[in-house]
Amino acid sequence: MRLIIRKKQMAEFDQIAFGNMQRRIRETMQRMWPEKCNPLSHQELAQLVNDAIDTGWSYGLLTEGDLLRFVNLSFTLGFDFPDSEQYPWATEILHDYELSPEQKLDRIWGVLEPAKKA
């Protein structure tokens, strides 16, 4: 017996998987950033996370792990950090399409980690 999955069914599976990923990222941010998340409504938090995911995609970040790290960066630096004049070095790294998504995130976090310890 052969199973046939139609395009519409695959699209529905993709939508469910995407929704589950959004939920996991949102729940992680609620644990990591309660002071920023608790004042927000469920819809407001979902919109912030979704917007950050969309921004991450625009820089070639596709995996859940990379998107989680990017959303965390957004909570750390502000949701406008890729366009902010305050972080031109981060913008430059994100626009370097010779770097893999993991390398981009490693470099940005590499700059931030020593600053946190100082």
C-alpha atoms as a PDB file:
ATOM      1  CA  MET A   1       0.000   0.000   0.000  1.00  0.00           C
ATOM      2  CA  ARG A   2       1.336   3.391  -0.995  1.00  0.00           C
ATOM      3  CA  LEU A   3       0.604   6.586   0.933  1.00  0.00           C
ATOM      4  CA  ILE A   4      -0.007   9.719  -1.121  1.00  0.00           C
ATOM      5  CA  ILE A   5       0.322  13.094   0.521  1.00  0.00           C
ATOM      6  CA  ARG A   6      -1.148  15.939  -1.452  1.00  0.00           C
ATOM      7  CA  LYS A   7       0.332  19.437  -1.655  1.00  0.00           C
ATOM      8  CA  LYS A   8      -2.525  20.829   0.425  1.00  0.00           C
ATOM      9  CA  GLN A   9      -1.840  18.263   3.151  1.00  0.00           C
ATOM     10  CA  MET A  10       1.875  19.092   3.108  1.00  0.00           C
ATOM     11  CA  ALA A  11       1.051  22.795   3.417  1.00  0.00           C
ATOM     12  CA  GLU A  12      -1.131  22.017   6.433  1.00  0.00           C
ATOM     13  CA  PHE A  13       1.675  19.934   7.997  1.00  0.00           C
ATOM     14  CA  ASP A  14       4.111  22.807   7.381  1.00  0.00           C
ATOM     15  CA  GLN A  15       1.718  25.276   8.991  1.00  0.00           C
ATOM     16  CA  ILE A  16       1.336  23.060  12.056  1.00  0.00           C
ATOM     17  CA  ALA A  17       5.107  22.581  12.335  1.00  0.00           C
ATOM     18  CA  PHE A  18       5.680  26.334  11.994  1.00  0.00           C
ATOM     19  CA  GLY A  19       3.072  27.071  14.654  1.00  0.00           C
ATOM     20  CA  ASN A  20       4.734  24.582  16.998  1.00  0.00           C
ATOM     21  CA  MET A  21       8.114  26.222  16.414  1.00  0.00           C
ATOM     22  CA  GLN A  22       6.676  29.672  17.127  1.00  0.00           C
ATOM     23  CA  ARG A  23       5.136  28.369  20.344  1.00  0.00           C
ATOM     24  CA  ARG A  24       8.410  26.782  21.500  1.00  0.00           C
ATOM     25  CA  ILE A  25      10.362  29.977  20.801  1.00  0.00           C
ATOM     26  CA  ARG A  26       7.697  32.092  22.542  1.00  0.00           C
ATOM     27  CA  GLU A  27       7.728  29.801  25.602  1.00  0.00           C
ATOM     28  CA  THR A  28      11.525  29.922  25.727  1.00  0.00           C
ATOM     29  CA  MET A  29      11.486  33.720  25.636  1.00  0.00           C
ATOM     30  CA  GLN A  30       8.900  33.759  28.433  1.00  0.00           C
ATOM     31  CA  ARG A  31      11.279  31.697  30.576  1.00  0.00           C
ATOM     32  CA  MET A  32      14.371  33.709  29.638  1.00  0.00           C
ATOM     33  CA  TRP A  33      12.813  37.183  29.643  1.00  0.00           C
ATOM     34  CA  PRO A  34       9.885  37.191  32.099  1.00  0.00           C
ATOM     35  CA  GLU A  35      10.359  40.901  32.865  1.00  0.00           C
ATOM     36  CA  LYS A  36       9.859  41.739  29.178  1.00  0.00           C
ATOM     37  CA  CYS A  37       7.242  39.094  28.341  1.00  0.00           C
ATOM     38  CA  ASN A  38       4.915  39.150  31.343  1.00  0.00           C
ATOM     39  CA  PRO A  39       3.590  42.695  30.706  1.00  0.00           C
ATOM     40  CA  LEU A  40       2.664  41.717  27.131  1.00  0.00           C
ATOM     41  CA  SER A  41      -0.548  40.059  26.062  1.00  0.00           C
ATOM     42  CA  HIS A  42      -0.319  36.681  24.374  1.00  0.00           C
ATOM     43  CA  GLN A  43      -0.999  38.360  21.014  1.00  0.00           C
ATOM     44  CA  GLU A  44       1.611  41.077  21.545  1.00  0.00           C
ATOM     45  CA  LEU A  45       4.289  38.544  22.446  1.00  0.00           C
ATOM     46  CA  ALA A  46       3.333  36.296  19.535  1.00  0.00           C
ATOM     47  CA  GLN A  47       3.584  39.266  17.166  1.00  0.00           C
ATOM     48  CA  LEU A  48       7.036  40.271  18.479  1.00  0.00           C
ATOM     49  CA  VAL A  49       8.309  36.715  18.105  1.00  0.00           C
ATOM     50  CA  ASN A  50       6.775  36.328  14.634  1.00  0.00           C
ATOM     51  CA  ASP A  51       8.252  39.636  13.475  1.00  0.00           C
ATOM     52  CA  ALA A  52      11.688  38.628  14.778  1.00  0.00           C
ATOM     53  CA  ILE A  53      11.403  35.248  13.015  1.00  0.00           C
ATOM     54  CA  ASP A  54      10.514  37.028   9.758  1.00  0.00           C
ATOM     55  CA  THR A  55      13.514  39.328  10.187  1.00  0.00           C
ATOM     56  CA  GLY A  56      15.754  36.337  10.912  1.00  0.00           C
ATOM     57  CA  TRP A  57      14.556  34.644   7.736  1.00  0.00           C
ATOM     58  CA  SER A  58      15.485  37.735   5.746  1.00  0.00           C
ATOM     59  CA  TYR A  59      19.091  37.179   6.871  1.00  0.00           C
ATOM     60  CA  GLY A  60      19.098  33.526   5.872  1.00  0.00           C
ATOM     61  CA  LEU A  61      18.366  32.064   9.307  1.00  0.00           C
ATOM     62  CA  LEU A  62      16.192  29.035   8.695  1.00  0.00           C
ATOM     63  CA  THR A  63      16.571  26.486  11.469  1.00  0.00           C
ATOM     64  CA  GLU A  64      14.667  26.636  14.721  1.00  0.00           C
ATOM     65  CA  GLY A  65      17.918  26.859  16.669  1.00  0.00           C
ATOM     66  CA  ASP A  66      19.179  29.809  14.625  1.00  0.00           C
ATOM     67  CA  LEU A  67      15.825  31.557  14.838  1.00  0.00           C
ATOM     68  CA  LEU A  68      15.707  31.023  18.593  1.00  0.00           C
ATOM     69  CA  ARG A  69      19.139  32.621  18.935  1.00  0.00           C
ATOM     70  CA  PHE A  70      18.042  35.522  16.727  1.00  0.00           C
ATOM     71  CA  VAL A  71      14.843  36.126  18.702  1.00  0.00           C
ATOM     72  CA  ASN A  72      16.944  36.077  21.875  1.00  0.00           C
ATOM     73  CA  LEU A  73      19.226  38.698  20.270  1.00  0.00           C
ATOM     74  CA  SER A  74      16.138  40.779  19.560  1.00  0.00           C
ATOM     75  CA  PHE A  75      15.155  40.632  23.222  1.00  0.00           C
ATOM     76  CA  THR A  76      18.767  41.439  24.196  1.00  0.00           C
ATOM     77  CA  LEU A  77      19.476  44.350  21.833  1.00  0.00           C
ATOM     78  CA  GLY A  78      15.990  45.496  20.890  1.00  0.00           C
ATOM     79  CA  PHE A  79      13.756  44.361  18.093  1.00  0.00           C
ATOM     80  CA  ASP A  80      15.093  47.011  15.740  1.00  0.00           C
ATOM     81  CA  PHE A  81      18.755  46.100  16.306  1.00  0.00           C
ATOM     82  CA  PRO A  82      19.452  45.012  12.703  1.00  0.00           C
ATOM     83  CA  ASP A  83      18.515  48.519  11.501  1.00  0.00           C
ATOM     84  CA  SER A  84      19.768  50.409  14.536  1.00  0.00           C
ATOM     85  CA  GLU A  85      22.628  52.864  14.255  1.00  0.00           C
ATOM     86  CA  GLN A  86      23.641  51.662  17.718  1.00  0.00           C
ATOM     87  CA  TYR A  87      24.757  48.261  16.346  1.00  0.00           C
ATOM     88  CA  PRO A  88      26.285  48.831  12.885  1.00  0.00           C
ATOM     89  CA  TRP A  89      28.658  45.923  13.475  1.00  0.00           C
ATOM     90  CA  ALA A  90      25.700  43.547  13.897  1.00  0.00           C
ATOM     91  CA  THR A  91      24.094  44.838  10.703  1.00  0.00           C
ATOM     92  CA  GLU A  92      27.349  44.286   8.845  1.00  0.00           C
ATOM     93  CA  ILE A  93      27.603  40.698  10.123  1.00  0.00           C
ATOM     94  CA  LEU A  94      23.984  39.924   9.239  1.00  0.00           C
ATOM     95  CA  HIS A  95      24.497  41.237   5.690  1.00  0.00           C
ATOM     96  CA  ASP A  96      27.625  39.117   5.129  1.00  0.00           C
ATOM     97  CA  TYR A  97      26.121  36.381   2.980  1.00  0.00           C
ATOM     98  CA  GLU A  98      29.443  34.541   2.822  1.00  0.00           C
ATOM     99  CA  LEU A  99      28.895  33.577   6.456  1.00  0.00           C
ATOM    100  CA  SER A 100      26.640  30.708   7.404  1.00  0.00           C
ATOM    101  CA  PRO A 101      23.709  31.528   9.682  1.00  0.00           C
ATOM    102  CA  GLU A 102      25.515  29.881  12.580  1.00  0.00           C
ATOM    103  CA  GLN A 103      28.662  31.925  11.915  1.00  0.00           C
ATOM    104  CA  LYS A 104      26.648  35.161  11.832  1.00  0.00           C
ATOM    105  CA  LEU A 105      25.065  34.416  15.185  1.00  0.00           C
ATOM    106  CA  ASP A 106      28.333  33.193  16.713  1.00  0.00           C
ATOM    107  CA  ARG A 107      30.063  36.427  15.707  1.00  0.00           C
ATOM    108  CA  ILE A 108      27.325  38.654  17.084  1.00  0.00           C
ATOM    109  CA  TRP A 109      27.128  36.741  20.357  1.00  0.00           C
ATOM    110  CA  GLY A 110      30.949  36.700  20.435  1.00  0.00           C
ATOM    111  CA  VAL A 111      30.948  40.497  20.522  1.00  0.00           C
ATOM    112  CA  LEU A 112      28.224  40.596  23.185  1.00  0.00           C
ATOM    113  CA  GLU A 113      29.591  38.012  25.601  1.00  0.00           C
ATOM    114  CA  PRO A 114      32.784  39.900  26.558  1.00  0.00           C
ATOM    115  CA  ALA A 115      30.727  43.107  26.916  1.00  0.00           C
ATOM    116  CA  LYS A 116      28.414  41.369  29.396  1.00  0.00           C
ATOM    117  CA  LYS A 117      31.394  40.295  31.517  1.00  0.00           C
ATOM    118  CA  ALA A 118      32.968  43.765  31.577  1.00  0.00           C
END
